[in-house]
C-alpha cells in the first residue's frame, strides 16, 4: 500500500469518526428537519439519529477495512 492510500484512509477515518458521528448525535437531539421541496411545497423529513449513527459506524468500518487493505 502506498503512502497516499494510507493518508486518504486516515483522513476518511478522522472525518467519519470526529465529524459524522457527532453530527448524527446532534441530529438525534432534533425532532425533524424541514426540507424545502420543488416549488412552494415543503416536506418535513424525519431523520432518526440512530440510523445516522449506524451509517457512520458502517462507514467507519469500511474506512478501517480500506486502511487494512
C-alpha atoms as a PDB file:
ATOM      1  CA  UNK A   1       0.000   0.000   0.000  1.00  0.00           C
ATOM      2  CA  UNK A   2       1.316   3.405  -0.900  1.00  0.00           C
ATOM      3  CA  UNK A   3       1.682   6.315   1.476  1.00  0.00           C
ATOM      4  CA  UNK A   4      -1.060   8.219  -0.366  1.00  0.00           C
ATOM      5  CA  UNK A   5      -3.563   5.425   0.244  1.00  0.00           C
ATOM      6  CA  UNK A   6      -2.740   5.404   3.960  1.00  0.00           C
ATOM      7  CA  UNK A   7      -3.120   9.208   4.025  1.00  0.00           C
ATOM      8  CA  UNK A   8      -6.541   9.108   2.324  1.00  0.00           C
ATOM      9  CA  UNK A   9      -7.678   6.325   4.648  1.00  0.00           C
ATOM     10  CA  UNK A  10      -6.622   8.222   7.757  1.00  0.00           C
ATOM     11  CA  UNK A  11      -8.389  11.384   6.546  1.00  0.00           C
ATOM     12  CA  UNK A  12     -11.586   9.360   5.968  1.00  0.00           C
ATOM     13  CA  UNK A  13     -11.215   7.873   9.441  1.00  0.00           C
ATOM     14  CA  UNK A  14     -10.881  11.334  11.028  1.00  0.00           C
ATOM     15  CA  UNK A  15     -13.749  12.865   9.031  1.00  0.00           C
ATOM     16  CA  UNK A  16     -16.133   9.993   9.746  1.00  0.00           C
ATOM     17  CA  UNK A  17     -15.135   9.446  13.372  1.00  0.00           C
ATOM     18  CA  UNK A  18     -14.950  13.037  14.545  1.00  0.00           C
ATOM     19  CA  UNK A  19     -17.421  14.881  12.311  1.00  0.00           C
ATOM     20  CA  UNK A  20     -20.104  12.487  11.013  1.00  0.00           C
ATOM     21  CA  UNK A  21     -20.859  10.586  14.226  1.00  0.00           C
ATOM     22  CA  UNK A  22     -21.123  13.715  16.471  1.00  0.00           C
ATOM     23  CA  UNK A  23     -23.281  15.333  13.760  1.00  0.00           C
ATOM     24  CA  UNK A  24     -25.538  12.264  13.818  1.00  0.00           C
ATOM     25  CA  UNK A  25     -25.738  12.595  17.599  1.00  0.00           C
ATOM     26  CA  UNK A  26     -26.731  16.253  17.217  1.00  0.00           C
ATOM     27  CA  UNK A  27     -29.423  15.299  14.691  1.00  0.00           C
ATOM     28  CA  UNK A  28     -30.694  12.671  17.150  1.00  0.00           C
ATOM     29  CA  UNK A  29     -31.490  15.522  19.546  1.00  0.00           C
ATOM     30  CA  UNK A  30     -33.515  17.311  16.851  1.00  0.00           C
ATOM     31  CA  UNK A  31     -37.066  16.164  16.237  1.00  0.00           C
ATOM     32  CA  UNK A  32     -37.223  16.760  12.498  1.00  0.00           C
ATOM     33  CA  UNK A  33     -35.531  18.542   9.636  1.00  0.00           C
ATOM     34  CA  UNK A  34     -37.586  20.621   7.240  1.00  0.00           C
ATOM     35  CA  UNK A  35     -36.547  20.267   3.635  1.00  0.00           C
ATOM     36  CA  UNK A  36     -37.877  22.685   1.030  1.00  0.00           C
ATOM     37  CA  UNK A  37     -39.105  20.670  -1.926  1.00  0.00           C
ATOM     38  CA  UNK A  38     -39.872  21.572  -5.514  1.00  0.00           C
ATOM     39  CA  UNK A  39     -41.806  24.802  -5.837  1.00  0.00           C
ATOM     40  CA  UNK A  40     -43.581  26.081  -2.727  1.00  0.00           C
ATOM     41  CA  UNK A  41     -44.221  22.647  -1.250  1.00  0.00           C
ATOM     42  CA  UNK A  42     -42.321  21.791   1.882  1.00  0.00           C
ATOM     43  CA  UNK A  43     -41.659  18.336   3.182  1.00  0.00           C
ATOM     44  CA  UNK A  44     -40.948  17.643   6.819  1.00  0.00           C
ATOM     45  CA  UNK A  45     -38.466  14.807   6.846  1.00  0.00           C
ATOM     46  CA  UNK A  46     -37.936  12.806   9.984  1.00  0.00           C
ATOM     47  CA  UNK A  47     -34.390  11.537  10.268  1.00  0.00           C
ATOM     48  CA  UNK A  48     -33.563   9.201  13.095  1.00  0.00           C
ATOM     49  CA  UNK A  49     -30.204   9.917  14.644  1.00  0.00           C
ATOM     50  CA  UNK A  50     -29.899   6.230  15.453  1.00  0.00           C
ATOM     51  CA  UNK A  51     -29.917   5.353  11.758  1.00  0.00           C
ATOM     52  CA  UNK A  52     -27.296   8.006  11.027  1.00  0.00           C
ATOM     53  CA  UNK A  53     -25.088   6.715  13.839  1.00  0.00           C
ATOM     54  CA  UNK A  54     -25.342   3.202  12.391  1.00  0.00           C
ATOM     55  CA  UNK A  55     -24.454   4.573   8.958  1.00  0.00           C
ATOM     56  CA  UNK A  56     -21.486   6.415  10.480  1.00  0.00           C
ATOM     57  CA  UNK A  57     -20.246   3.262  12.194  1.00  0.00           C
ATOM     58  CA  UNK A  58     -20.609   1.296   8.945  1.00  0.00           C
ATOM     59  CA  UNK A  59     -18.625   3.950   7.064  1.00  0.00           C
ATOM     60  CA  UNK A  60     -16.037   3.911   9.849  1.00  0.00           C
ATOM     61  CA  UNK A  61     -15.651   0.138   9.492  1.00  0.00           C
ATOM     62  CA  UNK A  62     -15.396   0.479   5.702  1.00  0.00           C
ATOM     63  CA  UNK A  63     -12.641   3.093   6.035  1.00  0.00           C
ATOM     64  CA  UNK A  64     -10.832   0.918   8.600  1.00  0.00           C
ATOM     65  CA  UNK A  65     -11.100  -2.009   6.195  1.00  0.00           C
ATOM     66  CA  UNK A  66      -9.635   0.215   3.478  1.00  0.00           C
ATOM     67  CA  UNK A  67      -6.713   1.117   5.776  1.00  0.00           C
ATOM     68  CA  UNK A  68      -6.089  -2.585   6.470  1.00  0.00           C
ATOM     69  CA  UNK A  69      -6.060  -3.340   2.737  1.00  0.00           C
END
